[in-house]
Amino acid sequence: MGRTRTYALIATVLLSAALAGDLRAASPKEQLRAKRAQAAAVLAQVNALDRTFEASVEAYNGAQYELQRTKQQLASDRRTLGIAERQRRIAIMRVEKRLVALYESNDDPSTIGILFGSSSVNDMLARIDDARAVASSDHRLAVQTTAARDRYAAAAQRTAALERRREVAVQQRARERARIGSMLDERKRLLASVQSEVSKLQAEEARRQAAAAAAARARIAAAEAAARREEAARARAAAAERKKETAAPAPATTTEQAPTAAAPPPTQAEQPAEPTTTAPAPAPAPAPAPTPAPSSGVGHPEAAQIAMRYLGVPYVWGGASPSGFDCSGLVMYVYAQIGIQLPHYAAAQYGMGTPVSRDQLQPGDLVFFDGLNHVGIYVGGGAMIHAPHTGTVVQITPLSAFGNGYVGARRL
């Protein structure tokens, strides 16, 4: 009873919290998490009540079984009592017949009659023995049959009393079974209701995720286009610079050849000329230096685009494949596809690339939270894609969902 009251109290508290609208101010994810917790609590109640109900059903079955056995025993006792009663009646009838036969053999069955009616001493003794035997048999049969009948009657009475007690027990078990069954039905209805709400919240979350994914893809596509434009602009600037550098030495040779007519140190004039023509050669070395550029540029938006393929993949502790990811496993797997090798450890990933301020985040940047215990890939619009925790899937979540847990960001 105490456990049942506890279950009822838990359900009441959960229901009242839901009805009081405590969850209405919460975010969709918090609502979903709370409803899932409520569904889990009610399911635990249902499972506990299921076990209690099963025990009560078995107790009812046991009471029914014992009652049936008692009924069978009572029927057997009554049959035995009937047989004993018939045997008693038969025995009395036989005694009566013997007495009648003895009486009819002599009009005076008394001892004097036997003495005078006997033809010899042997005949007299035989008659006396017969009379005594009849009296003795009459007494013995009466005692035995009456005792047997009384014994069986008492057994039948005891069995009948036991039957009544067991009928009461069956009724009690039936009431208990009905009570627990009613509670179980109520909890199952509650569970169905909560699960229905969970399904609605899940559908809303799925729609929200789909909308967030569509918006993220659009932002990532824009970032990729911007990256291509920036790369093209850098390529044009580098080409223009190279053109300028290759065109600049021509006037230098004409100006330097003028004094050669007066003084013939052309060898010395050529020696500085060669460094000027080869000096631009090291200049292209800075050109492939778009490595520091990502810190001020757009980074790797294609990484965010790749990560979007894994929306819905379940969280798996230590997972780093499309069968299941944890947070750093997802980042490592995604960046490996664009040739960047990262460790499977969020804190170590934070030591790579260059830092980016929060207001300069671009799709593809890594964002870190909770003392470097969590990492995601920024997808723009103040959101990231990540593998949150056990029981969830890869999803898009606003950075604000982590409150003050934001640590920083890196651009690779």
Protein backbone atom coordinates (compact mmCIF):
# COMPACT_ATOMS: atom_id res chain seq x y z
CA MET A 1 0.00 0.00 0.00
CA GLY A 2 2.85 2.40 0.90
CA ARG A 3 4.57 1.84 -2.42
CA THR A 4 1.32 2.35 -4.30
CA ARG A 5 0.67 5.62 -2.48
CA THR A 6 4.20 6.73 -3.38
CA TYR A 7 3.55 6.03 -7.05
CA ALA A 8 0.28 7.93 -6.88
CA LEU A 9 2.05 10.86 -5.20
CA ILE A 10 4.78 10.93 -7.87
CA ALA A 11 2.20 10.89 -10.64
CA THR A 12 0.19 13.62 -8.92
CA VAL A 13 3.27 15.83 -8.53
CA LEU A 14 4.26 15.32 -12.14
CA LEU A 15 0.78 16.00 -13.40
CA SER A 16 0.31 19.07 -11.24
CA ALA A 17 3.67 20.44 -12.39
CA ALA A 18 2.64 19.95 -16.01
CA LEU A 19 -0.86 21.36 -15.49
CA ALA A 20 0.49 24.31 -13.55
CA GLY A 21 2.32 25.34 -16.70
CA ASP A 22 5.79 25.13 -15.20
CA LEU A 23 7.10 23.97 -18.55
CA ARG A 24 5.45 26.62 -20.68
CA ALA A 25 8.23 29.11 -20.05
CA ALA A 26 10.89 26.53 -20.87
CA SER A 27 12.56 26.09 -24.23
CA PRO A 28 11.26 23.37 -26.58
CA LYS A 29 14.23 21.16 -25.69
CA GLU A 30 13.68 21.64 -21.98
CA GLN A 31 9.99 20.84 -22.43
CA LEU A 32 10.86 17.72 -24.37
CA ARG A 33 13.44 16.69 -21.77
CA ALA A 34 10.95 17.27 -18.94
CA LYS A 35 8.21 15.35 -20.73
CA ARG A 36 10.58 12.49 -21.43
CA ALA A 37 11.51 12.44 -17.75
CA GLN A 38 7.83 12.43 -16.84
CA ALA A 39 7.16 9.61 -19.32
CA ALA A 40 10.07 7.65 -17.83
CA ALA A 41 8.71 8.17 -14.31
CA VAL A 42 5.20 7.08 -15.30
CA LEU A 43 6.63 4.12 -17.21
CA ALA A 44 8.51 3.11 -14.05
CA GLN A 45 5.21 3.29 -12.17
CA VAL A 46 3.49 1.21 -14.83
CA ASN A 47 6.25 -1.40 -14.68
CA ALA A 48 6.10 -1.52 -10.87
CA LEU A 49 2.30 -1.76 -10.94
CA ASP A 50 2.56 -4.42 -13.63
CA ARG A 51 4.67 -6.51 -11.27
CA THR A 52 2.30 -5.82 -8.36
CA PHE A 53 -0.69 -6.63 -10.55
CA GLU A 54 0.94 -9.85 -11.70
CA ALA A 55 1.56 -10.80 -8.06
CA SER A 56 -2.05 -10.00 -7.17
CA VAL A 57 -3.30 -12.03 -10.13
CA GLU A 58 -1.15 -14.96 -9.04
CA ALA A 59 -2.44 -14.59 -5.48
CA TYR A 60 -6.00 -14.62 -6.83
CA ASN A 61 -5.18 -17.67 -8.95
CA GLY A 62 -3.71 -19.35 -5.87
CA ALA A 63 -6.82 -18.57 -3.80
CA GLN A 64 -9.00 -19.94 -6.59
CA TYR A 65 -6.87 -23.06 -6.77
CA GLU A 66 -7.09 -23.66 -2.99
CA LEU A 67 -10.83 -23.03 -3.06
CA GLN A 68 -11.25 -25.52 -5.87
CA ARG A 69 -9.24 -28.11 -3.97
CA THR A 70 -11.35 -27.47 -0.86
CA LYS A 71 -14.54 -27.87 -2.87
CA GLN A 72 -13.24 -31.16 -4.22
CA GLN A 73 -12.31 -32.28 -0.70
CA LEU A 74 -15.73 -31.26 0.60
CA ALA A 75 -17.41 -33.22 -2.17
CA SER A 76 -15.22 -36.21 -1.30
CA ASP A 77 -16.01 -35.83 2.43
CA ARG A 78 -19.71 -35.68 1.69
CA ARG A 79 -19.52 -38.77 -0.50
CA THR A 80 -17.66 -40.61 2.26
CA LEU A 81 -20.23 -39.42 4.80
CA GLY A 82 -23.02 -40.69 2.59
CA ILE A 83 -21.34 -44.09 2.31
CA ALA A 84 -20.86 -44.24 6.10
CA GLU A 85 -24.52 -43.35 6.62
CA ARG A 86 -25.63 -46.09 4.23
CA GLN A 87 -23.33 -48.64 5.90
CA ARG A 88 -24.80 -47.71 9.28
CA ARG A 89 -28.34 -48.16 8.01
CA ILE A 90 -27.44 -51.54 6.42
CA ALA A 91 -25.80 -52.73 9.63
CA ILE A 92 -28.84 -51.76 11.71
CA MET A 93 -31.15 -53.46 9.22
CA ARG A 94 -29.12 -56.68 9.47
CA VAL A 95 -29.26 -56.58 13.26
CA GLU A 96 -32.99 -56.03 13.12
CA LYS A 97 -33.39 -59.01 10.75
CA ARG A 98 -31.33 -61.24 13.01
CA LEU A 99 -33.41 -60.26 16.04
CA VAL A 100 -36.61 -60.92 14.12
CA ALA A 101 -35.31 -64.29 12.98
CA LEU A 102 -34.28 -65.21 16.54
CA TYR A 103 -37.62 -64.12 17.90
CA GLU A 104 -39.50 -66.06 15.25
CA SER A 105 -37.53 -69.20 16.04
CA ASN A 106 -38.88 -69.12 19.64
CA ASP A 107 -41.88 -67.23 20.97
CA ASP A 108 -40.01 -66.46 24.17
CA PRO A 109 -36.52 -65.28 23.40
CA SER A 110 -35.77 -64.84 27.09
CA THR A 111 -33.23 -67.03 28.89
CA ILE A 112 -36.00 -69.17 30.47
CA GLY A 113 -37.58 -69.62 27.06
CA ILE A 114 -34.27 -70.67 25.66
CA LEU A 115 -33.79 -73.17 28.53
CA PHE A 116 -37.20 -74.78 28.16
CA GLY A 117 -37.20 -74.58 24.40
CA SER A 118 -33.89 -76.36 24.00
CA SER A 119 -33.89 -80.01 23.10
CA SER A 120 -30.51 -80.64 24.68
CA VAL A 121 -27.83 -78.92 26.71
CA ASN A 122 -25.81 -78.25 23.56
CA ASP A 123 -28.84 -76.74 21.89
CA MET A 124 -29.45 -74.56 24.94
CA LEU A 125 -25.85 -73.31 25.03
CA ALA A 126 -25.93 -72.61 21.31
CA ARG A 127 -29.12 -70.55 21.70
CA ILE A 128 -27.66 -68.54 24.60
CA ASP A 129 -24.48 -67.85 22.59
CA ASP A 130 -26.60 -66.75 19.63
CA ALA A 131 -28.58 -64.34 21.75
CA ARG A 132 -25.42 -62.88 23.28
CA ALA A 133 -23.75 -62.67 19.88
CA VAL A 134 -26.72 -60.82 18.46
CA ALA A 135 -26.70 -58.36 21.36
CA SER A 136 -22.93 -57.88 21.11
CA SER A 137 -23.03 -57.46 17.32
CA ASP A 138 -25.89 -55.03 17.60
CA HIS A 139 -23.95 -52.85 20.04
CA ARG A 140 -20.69 -53.05 18.08
CA LEU A 141 -22.26 -52.23 14.74
CA ALA A 142 -24.24 -49.35 16.21
CA VAL A 143 -21.11 -47.88 17.82
CA GLN A 144 -18.88 -48.34 14.79
CA THR A 145 -21.29 -47.03 12.19
CA THR A 146 -22.35 -44.10 14.33
CA ALA A 147 -18.71 -43.20 15.08
CA ALA A 148 -17.83 -43.41 11.40
CA ARG A 149 -20.78 -41.29 10.45
CA ASP A 150 -19.94 -38.69 13.12
CA ARG A 151 -16.29 -38.66 12.08
CA TYR A 152 -17.11 -38.05 8.43
CA ALA A 153 -19.77 -35.51 9.34
CA ALA A 154 -17.18 -33.56 11.40
CA ALA A 155 -14.70 -33.72 8.50
CA ALA A 156 -17.35 -32.46 6.12
CA GLN A 157 -18.16 -29.60 8.50
CA ARG A 158 -14.48 -28.63 8.76
CA THR A 159 -14.09 -28.71 4.99
CA ALA A 160 -17.25 -26.64 4.56
CA ALA A 161 -15.88 -24.05 7.00
CA LEU A 162 -12.58 -24.02 5.10
CA GLU A 163 -14.49 -23.58 1.87
CA ARG A 164 -16.26 -20.52 3.28
CA ARG A 165 -12.94 -19.00 4.41
CA ARG A 166 -11.39 -19.61 1.04
CA GLU A 167 -14.36 -18.11 -0.74
CA VAL A 168 -13.81 -14.97 1.35
CA ALA A 169 -10.09 -15.03 0.45
CA VAL A 170 -10.95 -15.32 -3.25
CA GLN A 171 -13.28 -12.34 -2.98
CA GLN A 172 -10.57 -10.30 -1.23
CA ARG A 173 -8.00 -11.25 -3.87
CA ALA A 174 -10.48 -10.37 -6.60
CA ARG A 175 -11.06 -6.92 -5.07
CA GLU A 176 -7.30 -6.36 -4.72
CA ARG A 177 -6.74 -7.47 -8.30
CA ALA A 178 -9.49 -5.12 -9.52
CA ARG A 179 -8.06 -2.20 -7.49
CA ILE A 180 -4.51 -2.67 -8.77
CA GLY A 181 -5.82 -3.29 -12.29
CA SER A 182 -7.73 0.00 -12.12
CA MET A 183 -4.61 1.85 -10.96
CA LEU A 184 -2.61 0.19 -13.72
CA ASP A 185 -5.16 1.22 -16.35
CA GLU A 186 -5.05 4.79 -15.04
CA ARG A 187 -1.25 4.89 -15.18
CA LYS A 188 -1.29 3.41 -18.68
CA ARG A 189 -3.72 6.11 -19.78
CA LEU A 190 -1.44 8.71 -18.19
CA LEU A 191 1.57 7.16 -19.90
CA ALA A 192 -0.23 7.20 -23.25
CA SER A 193 -1.11 10.85 -22.69
CA VAL A 194 2.46 11.79 -21.74
CA GLN A 195 3.90 9.79 -24.62
CA SER A 196 1.47 11.55 -26.94
CA GLU A 197 2.77 14.90 -25.65
CA VAL A 198 6.33 13.63 -26.05
CA SER A 199 5.53 12.64 -29.64
CA LYS A 200 4.11 16.11 -30.31
CA LEU A 201 7.16 17.76 -28.79
CA GLN A 202 9.41 15.43 -30.77
CA ALA A 203 7.54 16.33 -33.96
CA GLU A 204 7.89 20.03 -33.10
CA GLU A 205 11.59 19.51 -32.36
CA ALA A 206 11.99 17.65 -35.66
CA ARG A 207 10.31 20.54 -37.50
CA ARG A 208 12.49 22.99 -35.62
CA GLN A 209 15.59 20.95 -36.47
CA ALA A 210 14.55 20.79 -40.14
CA ALA A 211 14.05 24.55 -40.25
CA ALA A 212 17.34 25.13 -38.43
CA ALA A 213 19.11 22.75 -40.82
CA ALA A 214 17.67 24.52 -43.88
CA ALA A 215 18.71 27.91 -42.50
CA ALA A 216 22.15 26.55 -41.58
CA ARG A 217 22.64 25.10 -45.07
CA ALA A 218 21.76 28.46 -46.58
CA ARG A 219 24.22 30.25 -44.29
CA ILE A 220 26.93 27.67 -44.99
CA ALA A 221 26.35 27.98 -48.74
CA ALA A 222 26.67 31.77 -48.42
CA ALA A 223 29.86 31.34 -46.39
CA GLU A 224 31.28 28.94 -48.98
CA ALA A 225 30.42 31.41 -51.76
CA ALA A 226 32.10 34.16 -49.76
CA ALA A 227 35.14 31.93 -49.26
CA ARG A 228 35.30 31.25 -53.02
CA ARG A 229 35.01 34.97 -53.76
CA GLU A 230 37.70 35.77 -51.22
CA GLU A 231 39.95 33.06 -52.63
CA ALA A 232 39.36 34.34 -56.16
CA ALA A 233 40.11 37.91 -55.03
CA ARG A 234 43.32 36.75 -53.37
CA ALA A 235 44.27 34.85 -56.52
CA ARG A 236 43.62 37.95 -58.68
CA ALA A 237 45.60 40.15 -56.30
CA ALA A 238 48.48 37.67 -56.30
CA ALA A 239 48.42 37.47 -60.12
CA ALA A 240 48.41 41.28 -60.38
CA GLU A 241 51.29 41.48 -57.92
CA ARG A 242 53.28 38.92 -59.89
CA LYS A 243 52.58 40.80 -63.11
CA LYS A 244 53.76 44.03 -61.51
CA GLU A 245 56.90 42.38 -60.18
CA THR A 246 57.81 40.80 -63.50
CA ALA A 247 57.17 44.10 -65.36
CA ALA A 248 59.23 46.27 -62.92
CA PRO A 249 62.82 45.01 -63.83
CA ALA A 250 62.52 46.06 -67.54
CA PRO A 251 62.91 49.81 -66.92
CA ALA A 252 65.63 49.02 -64.36
CA THR A 253 67.84 47.38 -67.04
CA THR A 254 67.45 50.32 -69.43
CA THR A 255 68.38 52.81 -66.75
CA GLU A 256 71.31 50.73 -65.63
CA GLN A 257 72.61 50.16 -69.14
CA ALA A 258 73.04 53.95 -69.70
CA PRO A 259 76.05 54.28 -67.42
CA THR A 260 77.56 51.11 -68.91
CA ALA A 261 78.37 53.08 -72.04
CA ALA A 262 80.63 55.35 -69.98
CA ALA A 263 82.15 52.82 -67.60
CA PRO A 264 82.36 49.11 -68.31
CA PRO A 265 81.53 47.55 -64.98
CA PRO A 266 78.50 45.76 -66.50
CA THR A 267 79.36 42.69 -64.46
CA GLN A 268 78.86 44.67 -61.30
CA ALA A 269 75.63 46.11 -62.73
CA GLU A 270 74.37 42.63 -63.53
CA GLN A 271 75.10 41.36 -60.06
CA PRO A 272 72.60 43.73 -58.36
CA ALA A 273 70.27 43.14 -61.34
CA GLU A 274 70.10 39.42 -60.62
CA PRO A 275 69.07 39.88 -56.98
CA THR A 276 66.32 42.25 -58.15
CA THR A 277 64.96 39.70 -60.62
CA THR A 278 65.36 36.82 -58.14
CA ALA A 279 64.34 38.95 -55.16
CA PRO A 280 60.74 38.84 -56.34
CA ALA A 281 61.11 35.04 -56.53
CA PRO A 282 60.95 34.70 -52.72
CA ALA A 283 58.01 37.11 -52.83
CA PRO A 284 55.63 34.36 -54.07
CA ALA A 285 56.45 32.49 -50.85
CA PRO A 286 54.09 34.73 -48.87
CA ALA A 287 51.43 34.12 -51.57
CA PRO A 288 50.72 30.50 -50.48
CA ALA A 289 50.49 31.89 -46.98
CA PRO A 290 46.70 31.82 -46.77
CA THR A 291 47.34 29.75 -43.63
CA PRO A 292 47.01 32.69 -41.25
CA ALA A 293 44.27 34.13 -43.47
CA PRO A 294 41.47 31.92 -42.08
CA SER A 295 41.68 33.70 -38.74
CA SER A 296 40.50 36.83 -40.51
CA GLY A 297 38.77 34.98 -43.38
CA VAL A 298 36.02 32.39 -43.48
CA GLY A 299 37.82 29.23 -42.39
CA HIS A 300 36.27 25.96 -43.53
CA PRO A 301 32.52 26.34 -44.08
CA GLU A 302 32.62 23.07 -46.05
CA ALA A 303 33.24 21.30 -42.71
CA ALA A 304 29.89 22.59 -41.45
CA GLN A 305 28.28 21.40 -44.69
CA ILE A 306 29.76 17.91 -44.23
CA ALA A 307 28.63 17.81 -40.59
CA MET A 308 25.03 18.44 -41.71
CA ARG A 309 25.02 14.98 -43.34
CA TYR A 310 25.09 13.40 -39.90
CA LEU A 311 22.04 15.07 -38.40
CA GLY A 312 20.08 12.42 -36.51
CA VAL A 313 23.02 10.06 -35.90
CA PRO A 314 22.76 8.84 -32.28
CA TYR A 315 25.18 9.91 -29.58
CA VAL A 316 27.55 7.10 -28.64
CA TRP A 317 30.14 7.56 -25.93
CA GLY A 318 33.56 7.34 -27.61
CA GLY A 319 31.89 7.17 -31.04
CA ALA A 320 33.67 8.58 -34.08
CA SER A 321 31.77 7.10 -37.04
CA PRO A 322 28.34 7.48 -38.68
CA SER A 323 27.09 4.62 -36.52
CA GLY A 324 27.45 6.95 -33.51
CA PHE A 325 29.36 10.07 -32.44
CA ASP A 326 30.37 11.81 -29.27
CA CYS A 327 31.12 15.56 -29.48
CA SER A 328 34.84 15.47 -30.28
CA GLY A 329 34.41 12.31 -32.38
CA LEU A 330 32.02 14.17 -34.70
CA VAL A 331 34.45 17.10 -35.11
CA MET A 332 37.39 14.75 -35.72
CA TYR A 333 35.47 12.68 -38.29
CA VAL A 334 34.18 15.73 -40.20
CA TYR A 335 37.54 17.52 -40.42
CA ALA A 336 39.33 14.34 -41.46
CA GLN A 337 37.23 14.45 -44.64
CA ILE A 338 38.83 17.75 -45.67
CA GLY A 339 42.33 16.52 -44.82
CA ILE A 340 42.70 18.03 -41.36
CA GLN A 341 43.63 15.52 -38.67
CA LEU A 342 42.37 16.31 -35.18
CA PRO A 343 42.66 14.39 -31.89
CA HIS A 344 39.60 12.72 -30.40
CA TYR A 345 39.65 15.07 -27.42
CA ALA A 346 37.88 18.43 -27.14
CA ALA A 347 40.53 20.04 -24.90
CA ALA A 348 43.30 19.06 -27.36
CA GLN A 349 41.25 20.37 -30.31
CA TYR A 350 41.07 23.72 -28.53
CA GLY A 351 44.85 23.98 -28.81
CA MET A 352 44.74 23.86 -32.63
CA GLY A 353 44.07 26.57 -35.22
CA THR A 354 43.70 30.21 -34.26
CA PRO A 355 41.35 31.83 -31.75
CA VAL A 356 38.23 33.59 -33.01
CA SER A 357 36.11 36.06 -31.07
CA ARG A 358 32.46 35.17 -30.64
CA ASP A 359 31.27 38.08 -32.78
CA GLN A 360 33.54 36.94 -35.65
CA LEU A 361 32.39 33.31 -35.80
CA GLN A 362 31.94 31.78 -39.25
CA PRO A 363 30.50 28.38 -40.30
CA GLY A 364 33.07 25.66 -39.75
CA ASP A 365 34.65 27.23 -36.66
CA LEU A 366 34.95 25.02 -33.59
CA VAL A 367 33.07 26.27 -30.52
CA PHE A 368 33.89 25.02 -27.02
CA PHE A 369 31.84 24.87 -23.81
CA ASP A 370 31.74 23.68 -20.22
CA GLY A 371 35.41 23.95 -19.38
CA LEU A 372 36.44 22.35 -22.72
CA ASN A 373 34.30 19.30 -21.99
CA HIS A 374 32.16 19.90 -25.06
CA VAL A 375 32.76 20.98 -28.66
CA GLY A 376 30.61 21.67 -31.72
CA ILE A 377 30.89 23.07 -35.24
CA TYR A 378 29.44 26.52 -35.79
CA VAL A 379 26.82 26.70 -38.57
CA GLY A 380 26.01 30.41 -38.40
CA GLY A 381 23.04 32.27 -37.00
CA GLY A 382 24.24 31.78 -33.43
CA ALA A 383 23.87 27.98 -33.69
CA MET A 384 26.12 24.95 -33.91
CA ILE A 385 25.85 21.30 -34.91
CA HIS A 386 27.01 18.85 -32.25
CA ALA A 387 26.48 15.47 -30.55
CA PRO A 388 25.04 16.51 -27.16
CA HIS A 389 24.86 13.54 -24.81
CA THR A 390 23.59 9.99 -24.31
CA GLY A 391 20.00 9.56 -25.45
CA THR A 392 20.20 12.31 -28.06
CA VAL A 393 21.28 12.57 -31.70
CA VAL A 394 23.48 14.90 -33.71
CA GLN A 395 21.48 18.12 -33.88
CA ILE A 396 21.54 21.88 -34.26
CA THR A 397 21.44 23.87 -31.03
CA PRO A 398 21.77 27.60 -30.27
CA LEU A 399 24.99 28.56 -28.52
CA SER A 400 22.82 30.38 -25.98
CA ALA A 401 21.49 27.01 -24.78
CA PHE A 402 24.79 26.61 -22.90
CA GLY A 403 24.33 29.88 -21.01
CA ASN A 404 27.58 30.94 -19.40
CA GLY A 405 29.28 27.70 -20.43
CA TYR A 406 30.83 29.20 -23.58
CA VAL A 407 34.66 28.98 -23.47
CA GLY A 408 35.86 30.12 -26.89
CA ALA A 409 36.29 29.22 -30.56
CA ARG A 410 39.06 28.14 -32.93
CA ARG A 411 39.38 28.44 -36.68
CA LEU A 412 41.40 25.74 -38.42
